[in-house]
Amino acid sequence: DPKQALAREMAVLGLPITVLLNRAGQEIAR
């Protein structure tokens, strides 16, 4: 994600950040 488009939209404000997604592609935990 070289331009951080995905990270920005997923509100990644520091590293590492790990996001758990359910089968519907929704964030359920972080």
mmCIF file of all heavy atoms, coordinates in Angstrom:
data_MODEL
# 
_entry.id   MODEL 
# 
loop_
_atom_site.group_PDB 
_atom_site.id 
_atom_site.type_symbol 
_atom_site.label_atom_id 
_atom_site.label_alt_id 
_atom_site.label_comp_id 
_atom_site.label_asym_id 
_atom_site.label_entity_id 
_atom_site.label_seq_id 
_atom_site.pdbx_PDB_ins_code 
_atom_site.Cartn_x 
_atom_site.Cartn_y 
_atom_site.Cartn_z 
_atom_site.occupancy 
_atom_site.B_iso_or_equiv 
_atom_site.pdbx_formal_charge 
_atom_site.auth_seq_id 
_atom_site.auth_comp_id 
_atom_site.auth_asym_id 
_atom_site.auth_atom_id 
_atom_site.pdbx_PDB_model_num 
ATOM 1   N N   . ASP A 1 1  ? 0.879   -1.175  0.000  1.00 0.00 ? 1  ASP A N   1 
ATOM 2   C CA  . ASP A 1 1  ? 0.000   0.000   0.000  1.00 0.00 ? 1  ASP A CA  1 
ATOM 3   C C   . ASP A 1 1  ? 0.920   1.229   0.000  1.00 0.00 ? 1  ASP A C   1 
ATOM 4   O O   . ASP A 1 1  ? 0.997   1.964   0.978  1.00 0.00 ? 1  ASP A O   1 
ATOM 5   C CB  . ASP A 1 1  ? -0.887  -0.038  1.251  1.00 0.00 ? 1  ASP A CB  1 
ATOM 6   C CG  . ASP A 1 1  ? -1.878  1.110   1.350  1.00 0.00 ? 1  ASP A CG  1 
ATOM 7   O OD1 . ASP A 1 1  ? -2.272  1.667   0.304  1.00 0.00 ? 1  ASP A OD1 1 
ATOM 8   O OD2 . ASP A 1 1  ? -2.260  1.439   2.486  1.00 0.00 ? 1  ASP A OD2 1 
ATOM 9   N N   . PRO A 1 2  ? 1.671   1.444   -1.103 1.00 0.00 ? 2  PRO A N   1 
ATOM 10  C CA  . PRO A 1 2  ? 2.726   2.463   -1.103 1.00 0.00 ? 2  PRO A CA  1 
ATOM 11  C C   . PRO A 1 2  ? 2.241   3.887   -0.877 1.00 0.00 ? 2  PRO A C   1 
ATOM 12  O O   . PRO A 1 2  ? 2.959   4.705   -0.295 1.00 0.00 ? 2  PRO A O   1 
ATOM 13  C CB  . PRO A 1 2  ? 3.393   2.306   -2.467 1.00 0.00 ? 2  PRO A CB  1 
ATOM 14  C CG  . PRO A 1 2  ? 2.374   1.621   -3.324 1.00 0.00 ? 2  PRO A CG  1 
ATOM 15  C CD  . PRO A 1 2  ? 1.555   0.776   -2.391 1.00 0.00 ? 2  PRO A CD  1 
ATOM 16  N N   . LYS A 1 3  ? 1.044   4.196   -1.308 1.00 0.00 ? 3  LYS A N   1 
ATOM 17  C CA  . LYS A 1 3  ? 0.529   5.561   -1.122 1.00 0.00 ? 3  LYS A CA  1 
ATOM 18  C C   . LYS A 1 3  ? -0.364  5.660   0.101  1.00 0.00 ? 3  LYS A C   1 
ATOM 19  O O   . LYS A 1 3  ? -0.992  6.682   0.338  1.00 0.00 ? 3  LYS A O   1 
ATOM 20  C CB  . LYS A 1 3  ? -0.200  6.020   -2.377 1.00 0.00 ? 3  LYS A CB  1 
ATOM 21  C CG  . LYS A 1 3  ? 0.749   6.134   -3.559 1.00 0.00 ? 3  LYS A CG  1 
ATOM 22  C CD  . LYS A 1 3  ? 0.106   6.727   -4.761 1.00 0.00 ? 3  LYS A CD  1 
ATOM 23  C CE  . LYS A 1 3  ? 1.151   6.811   -5.868 1.00 0.00 ? 3  LYS A CE  1 
ATOM 24  N NZ  . LYS A 1 3  ? 0.624   7.359   -7.089 1.00 0.00 ? 3  LYS A NZ  1 
ATOM 25  N N   . GLN A 1 4  ? -0.458  4.597   0.866  1.00 0.00 ? 4  GLN A N   1 
ATOM 26  C CA  . GLN A 1 4  ? -1.206  4.525   2.117  1.00 0.00 ? 4  GLN A CA  1 
ATOM 27  C C   . GLN A 1 4  ? -2.700  4.813   1.956  1.00 0.00 ? 4  GLN A C   1 
ATOM 28  O O   . GLN A 1 4  ? -3.358  5.229   2.907  1.00 0.00 ? 4  GLN A O   1 
ATOM 29  C CB  . GLN A 1 4  ? -0.590  5.456   3.159  1.00 0.00 ? 4  GLN A CB  1 
ATOM 30  C CG  . GLN A 1 4  ? 0.847   5.107   3.479  1.00 0.00 ? 4  GLN A CG  1 
ATOM 31  C CD  . GLN A 1 4  ? 1.482   6.068   4.440  1.00 0.00 ? 4  GLN A CD  1 
ATOM 32  O OE1 . GLN A 1 4  ? 1.324   7.293   4.316  1.00 0.00 ? 4  GLN A OE1 1 
ATOM 33  N NE2 . GLN A 1 4  ? 2.207   5.535   5.397  1.00 0.00 ? 4  GLN A NE2 1 
ATOM 34  N N   . ALA A 1 5  ? -3.249  4.560   0.784  1.00 0.00 ? 5  ALA A N   1 
ATOM 35  C CA  . ALA A 1 5  ? -4.675  4.811   0.560  1.00 0.00 ? 5  ALA A CA  1 
ATOM 36  C C   . ALA A 1 5  ? -5.529  3.887   1.429  1.00 0.00 ? 5  ALA A C   1 
ATOM 37  O O   . ALA A 1 5  ? -6.474  4.342   2.084  1.00 0.00 ? 5  ALA A O   1 
ATOM 38  C CB  . ALA A 1 5  ? -5.016  4.631   -0.917 1.00 0.00 ? 5  ALA A CB  1 
ATOM 39  N N   . LEU A 1 6  ? -5.196  2.610   1.451  1.00 0.00 ? 6  LEU A N   1 
ATOM 40  C CA  . LEU A 1 6  ? -5.936  1.659   2.271  1.00 0.00 ? 6  LEU A CA  1 
ATOM 41  C C   . LEU A 1 6  ? -5.749  1.991   3.753  1.00 0.00 ? 6  LEU A C   1 
ATOM 42  O O   . LEU A 1 6  ? -6.716  2.036   4.510  1.00 0.00 ? 6  LEU A O   1 
ATOM 43  C CB  . LEU A 1 6  ? -5.476  0.222   1.985  1.00 0.00 ? 6  LEU A CB  1 
ATOM 44  C CG  . LEU A 1 6  ? -6.132  -0.884  2.813  1.00 0.00 ? 6  LEU A CG  1 
ATOM 45  C CD1 . LEU A 1 6  ? -7.624  -0.983  2.504  1.00 0.00 ? 6  LEU A CD1 1 
ATOM 46  C CD2 . LEU A 1 6  ? -5.437  -2.224  2.556  1.00 0.00 ? 6  LEU A CD2 1 
ATOM 47  N N   . ALA A 1 7  ? -4.522  2.240   4.153  1.00 0.00 ? 7  ALA A N   1 
ATOM 48  C CA  . ALA A 1 7  ? -4.224  2.549   5.558  1.00 0.00 ? 7  ALA A CA  1 
ATOM 49  C C   . ALA A 1 7  ? -4.969  3.806   6.016  1.00 0.00 ? 7  ALA A C   1 
ATOM 50  O O   . ALA A 1 7  ? -5.545  3.833   7.103  1.00 0.00 ? 7  ALA A O   1 
ATOM 51  C CB  . ALA A 1 7  ? -2.722  2.717   5.763  1.00 0.00 ? 7  ALA A CB  1 
ATOM 52  N N   . ARG A 1 8  ? -4.968  4.841   5.197  1.00 0.00 ? 8  ARG A N   1 
ATOM 53  C CA  . ARG A 1 8  ? -5.675  6.084   5.565  1.00 0.00 ? 8  ARG A CA  1 
ATOM 54  C C   . ARG A 1 8  ? -7.162  5.832   5.744  1.00 0.00 ? 8  ARG A C   1 
ATOM 55  O O   . ARG A 1 8  ? -7.764  6.267   6.719  1.00 0.00 ? 8  ARG A O   1 
ATOM 56  C CB  . ARG A 1 8  ? -5.453  7.168   4.509  1.00 0.00 ? 8  ARG A CB  1 
ATOM 57  C CG  . ARG A 1 8  ? -4.286  8.078   4.765  1.00 0.00 ? 8  ARG A CG  1 
ATOM 58  C CD  . ARG A 1 8  ? -4.303  9.331   3.898  1.00 0.00 ? 8  ARG A CD  1 
ATOM 59  N NE  . ARG A 1 8  ? -4.509  9.083   2.483  1.00 0.00 ? 8  ARG A NE  1 
ATOM 60  C CZ  . ARG A 1 8  ? -3.552  8.726   1.639  1.00 0.00 ? 8  ARG A CZ  1 
ATOM 61  N NH1 . ARG A 1 8  ? -2.331  8.556   2.049  1.00 0.00 ? 8  ARG A NH1 1 
ATOM 62  N NH2 . ARG A 1 8  ? -3.825  8.531   0.364  1.00 0.00 ? 8  ARG A NH2 1 
ATOM 63  N N   . GLU A 1 9  ? -7.754  5.128   4.780  1.00 0.00 ? 9  GLU A N   1 
ATOM 64  C CA  . GLU A 1 9  ? -9.197  4.891   4.849  1.00 0.00 ? 9  GLU A CA  1 
ATOM 65  C C   . GLU A 1 9  ? -9.564  3.976   6.017  1.00 0.00 ? 9  GLU A C   1 
ATOM 66  O O   . GLU A 1 9  ? -10.668 4.036   6.533  1.00 0.00 ? 9  GLU A O   1 
ATOM 67  C CB  . GLU A 1 9  ? -9.714  4.322   3.532  1.00 0.00 ? 9  GLU A CB  1 
ATOM 68  C CG  . GLU A 1 9  ? -11.224 4.400   3.482  1.00 0.00 ? 9  GLU A CG  1 
ATOM 69  C CD  . GLU A 1 9  ? -11.772 4.317   2.085  1.00 0.00 ? 9  GLU A CD  1 
ATOM 70  O OE1 . GLU A 1 9  ? -11.495 5.240   1.286  1.00 0.00 ? 9  GLU A OE1 1 
ATOM 71  O OE2 . GLU A 1 9  ? -12.468 3.349   1.802  1.00 0.00 ? 9  GLU A OE2 1 
ATOM 72  N N   . MET A 1 10 ? -8.625  3.140   6.443  1.00 0.00 ? 10 MET A N   1 
ATOM 73  C CA  . MET A 1 10 ? -8.866  2.242   7.579  1.00 0.00 ? 10 MET A CA  1 
ATOM 74  C C   . MET A 1 10 ? -8.422  2.874   8.902  1.00 0.00 ? 10 MET A C   1 
ATOM 75  O O   . MET A 1 10 ? -8.368  2.199   9.926  1.00 0.00 ? 10 MET A O   1 
ATOM 76  C CB  . MET A 1 10 ? -8.136  0.907   7.370  1.00 0.00 ? 10 MET A CB  1 
ATOM 77  C CG  . MET A 1 10 ? -8.624  0.075   6.206  1.00 0.00 ? 10 MET A CG  1 
ATOM 78  S SD  . MET A 1 10 ? -10.200 -0.755  6.476  1.00 0.00 ? 10 MET A SD  1 
ATOM 79  C CE  . MET A 1 10 ? -9.845  -1.825  7.838  1.00 0.00 ? 10 MET A CE  1 
ATOM 80  N N   . ALA A 1 11 ? -8.118  4.177   8.886  1.00 0.00 ? 11 ALA A N   1 
ATOM 81  C CA  . ALA A 1 11 ? -7.754  4.939   10.089 1.00 0.00 ? 11 ALA A CA  1 
ATOM 82  C C   . ALA A 1 11 ? -6.548  4.332   10.819 1.00 0.00 ? 11 ALA A C   1 
ATOM 83  O O   . ALA A 1 11 ? -6.550  4.205   12.032 1.00 0.00 ? 11 ALA A O   1 
ATOM 84  C CB  . ALA A 1 11 ? -8.950  5.075   11.025 1.00 0.00 ? 11 ALA A CB  1 
ATOM 85  N N   . VAL A 1 12 ? -5.522  3.988   10.036 1.00 0.00 ? 12 VAL A N   1 
ATOM 86  C CA  . VAL A 1 12 ? -4.285  3.472   10.617 1.00 0.00 ? 12 VAL A CA  1 
ATOM 87  C C   . VAL A 1 12 ? -3.423  4.668   10.997 1.00 0.00 ? 12 VAL A C   1 
ATOM 88  O O   . VAL A 1 12 ? -2.961  5.396   10.140 1.00 0.00 ? 12 VAL A O   1 
ATOM 89  C CB  . VAL A 1 12 ? -3.561  2.531   9.624  1.00 0.00 ? 12 VAL A CB  1 
ATOM 90  C CG1 . VAL A 1 12 ? -2.190  2.147   10.145 1.00 0.00 ? 12 VAL A CG1 1 
ATOM 91  C CG2 . VAL A 1 12 ? -4.413  1.308   9.361  1.00 0.00 ? 12 VAL A CG2 1 
ATOM 92  N N   . LEU A 1 13 ? -3.248  4.850   12.302 1.00 0.00 ? 13 LEU A N   1 
ATOM 93  C CA  . LEU A 1 13 ? -2.508  5.997   12.827 1.00 0.00 ? 13 LEU A CA  1 
ATOM 94  C C   . LEU A 1 13 ? -1.312  5.508   13.640 1.00 0.00 ? 13 LEU A C   1 
ATOM 95  O O   . LEU A 1 13 ? -1.197  5.782   14.822 1.00 0.00 ? 13 LEU A O   1 
ATOM 96  C CB  . LEU A 1 13 ? -3.418  6.856   13.708 1.00 0.00 ? 13 LEU A CB  1 
ATOM 97  C CG  . LEU A 1 13 ? -4.693  7.360   13.045 1.00 0.00 ? 13 LEU A CG  1 
ATOM 98  C CD1 . LEU A 1 13 ? -5.604  8.028   14.060 1.00 0.00 ? 13 LEU A CD1 1 
ATOM 99  C CD2 . LEU A 1 13 ? -4.355  8.307   11.903 1.00 0.00 ? 13 LEU A CD2 1 
ATOM 100 N N   . GLY A 1 14 ? -0.446  4.792   13.021 1.00 0.00 ? 14 GLY A N   1 
ATOM 101 C CA  . GLY A 1 14 ? 0.699   4.203   13.692 1.00 0.00 ? 14 GLY A CA  1 
ATOM 102 C C   . GLY A 1 14 ? 0.796   2.751   13.275 1.00 0.00 ? 14 GLY A C   1 
ATOM 103 O O   . GLY A 1 14 ? -0.145  2.200   12.720 1.00 0.00 ? 14 GLY A O   1 
ATOM 104 N N   . LEU A 1 15 ? 1.946   2.162   13.524 1.00 0.00 ? 15 LEU A N   1 
ATOM 105 C CA  . LEU A 1 15 ? 2.171   0.778   13.123 1.00 0.00 ? 15 LEU A CA  1 
ATOM 106 C C   . LEU A 1 15 ? 2.783   0.000   14.273 1.00 0.00 ? 15 LEU A C   1 
ATOM 107 O O   . LEU A 1 15 ? 3.510   0.576   15.073 1.00 0.00 ? 15 LEU A O   1 
ATOM 108 C CB  . LEU A 1 15 ? 3.113   0.718   11.909 1.00 0.00 ? 15 LEU A CB  1 
ATOM 109 C CG  . LEU A 1 15 ? 2.584   1.346   10.625 1.00 0.00 ? 15 LEU A CG  1 
ATOM 110 C CD1 . LEU A 1 15 ? 3.678   1.354   9.566  1.00 0.00 ? 15 LEU A CD1 1 
ATOM 111 C CD2 . LEU A 1 15 ? 1.352   0.632   10.112 1.00 0.00 ? 15 LEU A CD2 1 
ATOM 112 N N   . PRO A 1 16 ? 2.527   -1.270  14.340 1.00 0.00 ? 16 PRO A N   1 
ATOM 113 C CA  . PRO A 1 16 ? 1.574   -2.035  13.546 1.00 0.00 ? 16 PRO A CA  1 
ATOM 114 C C   . PRO A 1 16 ? 0.147   -1.861  14.045 1.00 0.00 ? 16 PRO A C   1 
ATOM 115 O O   . PRO A 1 16 ? -0.085  -1.554  15.208 1.00 0.00 ? 16 PRO A O   1 
ATOM 116 C CB  . PRO A 1 16 ? 2.024   -3.485  13.757 1.00 0.00 ? 16 PRO A CB  1 
ATOM 117 C CG  . PRO A 1 16 ? 2.636   -3.483  15.128 1.00 0.00 ? 16 PRO A CG  1 
ATOM 118 C CD  . PRO A 1 16 ? 3.273   -2.131  15.281 1.00 0.00 ? 16 PRO A CD  1 
ATOM 119 N N   . ILE A 1 17 ? -0.768  -2.058  13.142 1.00 0.00 ? 17 ILE A N   1 
ATOM 120 C CA  . ILE A 1 17 ? -2.206  -2.118  13.438 1.00 0.00 ? 17 ILE A CA  1 
ATOM 121 C C   . ILE A 1 17 ? -2.712  -3.397  12.775 1.00 0.00 ? 17 ILE A C   1 
ATOM 122 O O   . ILE A 1 17 ? -2.411  -3.660  11.611 1.00 0.00 ? 17 ILE A O   1 
ATOM 123 C CB  . ILE A 1 17 ? -2.982  -0.920  12.845 1.00 0.00 ? 17 ILE A CB  1 
ATOM 124 C CG1 . ILE A 1 17 ? -2.553  0.390   13.462 1.00 0.00 ? 17 ILE A CG1 1 
ATOM 125 C CG2 . ILE A 1 17 ? -4.489  -1.139  12.957 1.00 0.00 ? 17 ILE A CG2 1 
ATOM 126 C CD1 . ILE A 1 17 ? -3.148  0.704   14.804 1.00 0.00 ? 17 ILE A CD1 1 
ATOM 127 N N   . THR A 1 18 ? -3.468  -4.178  13.516 1.00 0.00 ? 18 THR A N   1 
ATOM 128 C CA  . THR A 1 18 ? -4.028  -5.408  12.972 1.00 0.00 ? 18 THR A CA  1 
ATOM 129 C C   . THR A 1 18 ? -5.539  -5.368  13.148 1.00 0.00 ? 18 THR A C   1 
ATOM 130 O O   . THR A 1 18 ? -6.036  -5.082  14.237 1.00 0.00 ? 18 THR A O   1 
ATOM 131 C CB  . THR A 1 18 ? -3.425  -6.644  13.676 1.00 0.00 ? 18 THR A CB  1 
ATOM 132 O OG1 . THR A 1 18 ? -2.000  -6.555  13.593 1.00 0.00 ? 18 THR A OG1 1 
ATOM 133 C CG2 . THR A 1 18 ? -3.889  -7.920  13.003 1.00 0.00 ? 18 THR A CG2 1 
ATOM 134 N N   . VAL A 1 19 ? -6.252  -5.627  12.054 1.00 0.00 ? 19 VAL A N   1 
ATOM 135 C CA  . VAL A 1 19 ? -7.698  -5.520  12.010 1.00 0.00 ? 19 VAL A CA  1 
ATOM 136 C C   . VAL A 1 19 ? -8.279  -6.894  11.686 1.00 0.00 ? 19 VAL A C   1 
ATOM 137 O O   . VAL A 1 19 ? -7.840  -7.554  10.743 1.00 0.00 ? 19 VAL A O   1 
ATOM 138 C CB  . VAL A 1 19 ? -8.132  -4.489  10.938 1.00 0.00 ? 19 VAL A CB  1 
ATOM 139 C CG1 . VAL A 1 19 ? -9.636  -4.394  10.841 1.00 0.00 ? 19 VAL A CG1 1 
ATOM 140 C CG2 . VAL A 1 19 ? -7.519  -3.121  11.227 1.00 0.00 ? 19 VAL A CG2 1 
ATOM 141 N N   . LEU A 1 20 ? -9.259  -7.310  12.472 1.00 0.00 ? 20 LEU A N   1 
ATOM 142 C CA  . LEU A 1 20 ? -9.935  -8.590  12.245 1.00 0.00 ? 20 LEU A CA  1 
ATOM 143 C C   . LEU A 1 20 ? -11.232 -8.318  11.496 1.00 0.00 ? 20 LEU A C   1 
ATOM 144 O O   . LEU A 1 20 ? -12.067 -7.527  11.948 1.00 0.00 ? 20 LEU A O   1 
ATOM 145 C CB  . LEU A 1 20 ? -10.208 -9.278  13.588 1.00 0.00 ? 20 LEU A CB  1 
ATOM 146 C CG  . LEU A 1 20 ? -10.839 -10.663 13.552 1.00 0.00 ? 20 LEU A CG  1 
ATOM 147 C CD1 . LEU A 1 20 ? -10.003 -11.648 12.739 1.00 0.00 ? 20 LEU A CD1 1 
ATOM 148 C CD2 . LEU A 1 20 ? -11.056 -11.174 14.976 1.00 0.00 ? 20 LEU A CD2 1 
ATOM 149 N N   . LEU A 1 21 ? -11.373 -8.958  10.337 1.00 0.00 ? 21 LEU A N   1 
ATOM 150 C CA  . LEU A 1 21 ? -12.551 -8.787  9.489  1.00 0.00 ? 21 LEU A CA  1 
ATOM 151 C C   . LEU A 1 21 ? -13.373 -10.071 9.487  1.00 0.00 ? 21 LEU A C   1 
ATOM 152 O O   . LEU A 1 21 ? -12.813 -11.166 9.401  1.00 0.00 ? 21 LEU A O   1 
ATOM 153 C CB  . LEU A 1 21 ? -12.142 -8.468  8.045  1.00 0.00 ? 21 LEU A CB  1 
ATOM 154 C CG  . LEU A 1 21 ? -11.238 -7.252  7.831  1.00 0.00 ? 21 LEU A CG  1 
ATOM 155 C CD1 . LEU A 1 21 ? -10.815 -7.174  6.364  1.00 0.00 ? 21 LEU A CD1 1 
ATOM 156 C CD2 . LEU A 1 21 ? -11.920 -5.975  8.263  1.00 0.00 ? 21 LEU A CD2 1 
ATOM 157 N N   . ASN A 1 22 ? -14.696 -9.924  9.549  1.00 0.00 ? 22 ASN A N   1 
ATOM 158 C CA  . ASN A 1 22 ? -15.574 -11.089 9.461  1.00 0.00 ? 22 ASN A CA  1 
ATOM 159 C C   . ASN A 1 22 ? -15.725 -11.519 8.004  1.00 0.00 ? 22 ASN A C   1 
ATOM 160 O O   . ASN A 1 22 ? -15.148 -10.912 7.098  1.00 0.00 ? 22 ASN A O   1 
ATOM 161 C CB  . ASN A 1 22 ? -16.927 -10.809 10.136 1.00 0.00 ? 22 ASN A CB  1 
ATOM 162 C CG  . ASN A 1 22 ? -17.733 -9.727  9.452  1.00 0.00 ? 22 ASN A CG  1 
ATOM 163 O OD1 . ASN A 1 22 ? -17.468 -9.317  8.325  1.00 0.00 ? 22 ASN A OD1 1 
ATOM 164 N ND2 . ASN A 1 22 ? -18.742 -9.231  10.145 1.00 0.00 ? 22 ASN A ND2 1 
ATOM 165 N N   . ARG A 1 23 ? -16.510 -12.549 7.774  1.00 0.00 ? 23 ARG A N   1 
ATOM 166 C CA  . ARG A 1 23 ? -16.679 -13.095 6.419  1.00 0.00 ? 23 ARG A CA  1 
ATOM 167 C C   . ARG A 1 23 ? -17.334 -12.102 5.458  1.00 0.00 ? 23 ARG A C   1 
ATOM 168 O O   . ARG A 1 23 ? -17.186 -12.225 4.244  1.00 0.00 ? 23 ARG A O   1 
ATOM 169 C CB  . ARG A 1 23 ? -17.492 -14.378 6.470  1.00 0.00 ? 23 ARG A CB  1 
ATOM 170 C CG  . ARG A 1 23 ? -16.768 -15.515 7.159  1.00 0.00 ? 23 ARG A CG  1 
ATOM 171 C CD  . ARG A 1 23 ? -17.660 -16.752 7.232  1.00 0.00 ? 23 ARG A CD  1 
ATOM 172 N NE  . ARG A 1 23 ? -17.078 -17.794 8.041  1.00 0.00 ? 23 ARG A NE  1 
ATOM 173 C CZ  . ARG A 1 23 ? -16.185 -18.671 7.618  1.00 0.00 ? 23 ARG A CZ  1 
ATOM 174 N NH1 . ARG A 1 23 ? -15.764 -18.628 6.374  1.00 0.00 ? 23 ARG A NH1 1 
ATOM 175 N NH2 . ARG A 1 23 ? -15.717 -19.599 8.424  1.00 0.00 ? 23 ARG A NH2 1 
ATOM 176 N N   . ALA A 1 24 ? -18.058 -11.133 5.988  1.00 0.00 ? 24 ALA A N   1 
ATOM 177 C CA  . ALA A 1 24 ? -18.694 -10.112 5.153  1.00 0.00 ? 24 ALA A CA  1 
ATOM 178 C C   . ALA A 1 24 ? -17.750 -8.956  4.853  1.00 0.00 ? 24 ALA A C   1 
ATOM 179 O O   . ALA A 1 24 ? -18.137 -7.986  4.213  1.00 0.00 ? 24 ALA A O   1 
ATOM 180 C CB  . ALA A 1 24 ? -19.957 -9.594  5.836  1.00 0.00 ? 24 ALA A CB  1 
ATOM 181 N N   . GLY A 1 25 ? -16.498 -9.054  5.328  1.00 0.00 ? 25 GLY A N   1 
ATOM 182 C CA  . GLY A 1 25 ? -15.511 -8.010  5.068  1.00 0.00 ? 25 GLY A CA  1 
ATOM 183 C C   . GLY A 1 25 ? -15.655 -6.811  5.979  1.00 0.00 ? 25 GLY A C   1 
ATOM 184 O O   . GLY A 1 25 ? -15.165 -5.737  5.666  1.00 0.00 ? 25 GLY A O   1 
ATOM 185 N N   . GLN A 1 26 ? -16.293 -6.973  7.121  1.00 0.00 ? 26 GLN A N   1 
ATOM 186 C CA  . GLN A 1 26 ? -16.493 -5.883  8.075  1.00 0.00 ? 26 GLN A CA  1 
ATOM 187 C C   . GLN A 1 26 ? -15.499 -6.013  9.231  1.00 0.00 ? 26 GLN A C   1 
ATOM 188 O O   . GLN A 1 26 ? -15.192 -7.116  9.682  1.00 0.00 ? 26 GLN A O   1 
ATOM 189 C CB  . GLN A 1 26 ? -17.910 -5.931  8.642  1.00 0.00 ? 26 GLN A CB  1 
ATOM 190 C CG  . GLN A 1 26 ? -18.988 -5.800  7.593  1.00 0.00 ? 26 GLN A CG  1 
ATOM 191 C CD  . GLN A 1 26 ? -20.337 -6.204  8.149  1.00 0.00 ? 26 GLN A CD  1 
ATOM 192 O OE1 . GLN A 1 26 ? -20.480 -7.244  8.786  1.00 0.00 ? 26 GLN A OE1 1 
ATOM 193 N NE2 . GLN A 1 26 ? -21.333 -5.371  7.903  1.00 0.00 ? 26 GLN A NE2 1 
ATOM 194 N N   . GLU A 1 27 ? -15.051 -4.873  9.710  1.00 0.00 ? 27 GLU A N   1 
ATOM 195 C CA  . GLU A 1 27 ? -14.132 -4.860  10.849 1.00 0.00 ? 27 GLU A CA  1 
ATOM 196 C C   . GLU A 1 27 ? -14.902 -5.193  12.124 1.00 0.00 ? 27 GLU A C   1 
ATOM 197 O O   . GLU A 1 27 ? -15.891 -4.553  12.455 1.00 0.00 ? 27 GLU A O   1 
ATOM 198 C CB  . GLU A 1 27 ? -13.489 -3.486  10.992 1.00 0.00 ? 27 GLU A CB  1 
ATOM 199 C CG  . GLU A 1 27 ? -12.542 -3.396  12.161 1.00 0.00 ? 27 GLU A CG  1 
ATOM 200 C CD  . GLU A 1 27 ? -11.829 -2.060  12.272 1.00 0.00 ? 27 GLU A CD  1 
ATOM 201 O OE1 . GLU A 1 27 ? -11.640 -1.369  11.238 1.00 0.00 ? 27 GLU A OE1 1 
ATOM 202 O OE2 . GLU A 1 27 ? -11.465 -1.696  13.398 1.00 0.00 ? 27 GLU A OE2 1 
ATOM 203 N N   . ILE A 1 28 ? -14.417 -6.213  12.847 1.00 0.00 ? 28 ILE A N   1 
ATOM 204 C CA  . ILE A 1 28 ? -15.060 -6.587  14.107 1.00 0.00 ? 28 ILE A CA  1 
ATOM 205 C C   . ILE A 1 28 ? -14.144 -6.375  15.310 1.00 0.00 ? 28 ILE A C   1 
ATOM 206 O O   . ILE A 1 28 ? -14.620 -6.359  16.446 1.00 0.00 ? 28 ILE A O   1 
ATOM 207 C CB  . ILE A 1 28 ? -15.590 -8.037  14.079 1.00 0.00 ? 28 ILE A CB  1 
ATOM 208 C CG1 . ILE A 1 28 ? -14.476 -9.036  13.797 1.00 0.00 ? 28 ILE A CG1 1 
ATOM 209 C CG2 . ILE A 1 28 ? -16.721 -8.167  13.070 1.00 0.00 ? 28 ILE A CG2 1 
ATOM 210 C CD1 . ILE A 1 28 ? -14.907 -10.487 13.970 1.00 0.00 ? 28 ILE A CD1 1 
ATOM 211 N N   . ALA A 1 29 ? -12.837 -6.201  15.058 1.00 0.00 ? 29 ALA A N   1 
ATOM 212 C CA  . ALA A 1 29 ? -11.900 -5.966  16.154 1.00 0.00 ? 29 ALA A CA  1 
ATOM 213 C C   . ALA A 1 29 ? -10.619 -5.351  15.598 1.00 0.00 ? 29 ALA A C   1 
ATOM 214 O O   . ALA A 1 29 ? -10.341 -5.463  14.402 1.00 0.00 ? 29 ALA A O   1 
ATOM 215 C CB  . ALA A 1 29 ? -11.596 -7.268  16.888 1.00 0.00 ? 29 ALA A CB  1 
ATOM 216 N N   . ARG A 1 30 ? -9.859  -4.714  16.504 1.00 0.00 ? 30 ARG A N   1 
ATOM 217 C CA  . ARG A 1 30 ? -8.625  -4.032  16.101 1.00 0.00 ? 30 ARG A CA  1 
ATOM 218 C C   . ARG A 1 30 ? -7.638  -4.066  17.252 1.00 0.00 ? 30 ARG A C   1 
ATOM 219 O O   . ARG A 1 30 ? -8.009  -3.885  18.406 1.00 0.00 ? 30 ARG A O   1 
ATOM 220 C CB  . ARG A 1 30 ? -8.963  -2.586  15.728 1.00 0.00 ? 30 ARG A CB  1 
ATOM 221 C CG  . ARG A 1 30 ? -7.772  -1.722  15.356 1.00 0.00 ? 30 ARG A CG  1 
ATOM 222 C CD  . ARG A 1 30 ? -8.223  -0.325  14.993 1.00 0.00 ? 30 ARG A CD  1 
ATOM 223 N NE  . ARG A 1 30 ? -8.898  -0.346  13.709 1.00 0.00 ? 30 ARG A NE  1 
ATOM 224 C CZ  . ARG A 1 30 ? -8.559  0.423   12.679 1.00 0.00 ? 30 ARG A CZ  1 
ATOM 225 N NH1 . ARG A 1 30 ? -7.577  1.278   12.771 1.00 0.00 ? 30 ARG A NH1 1 
ATOM 226 N NH2 . ARG A 1 30 ? -9.221  0.349   11.544 1.00 0.00 ? 30 ARG A NH2 1 
# 
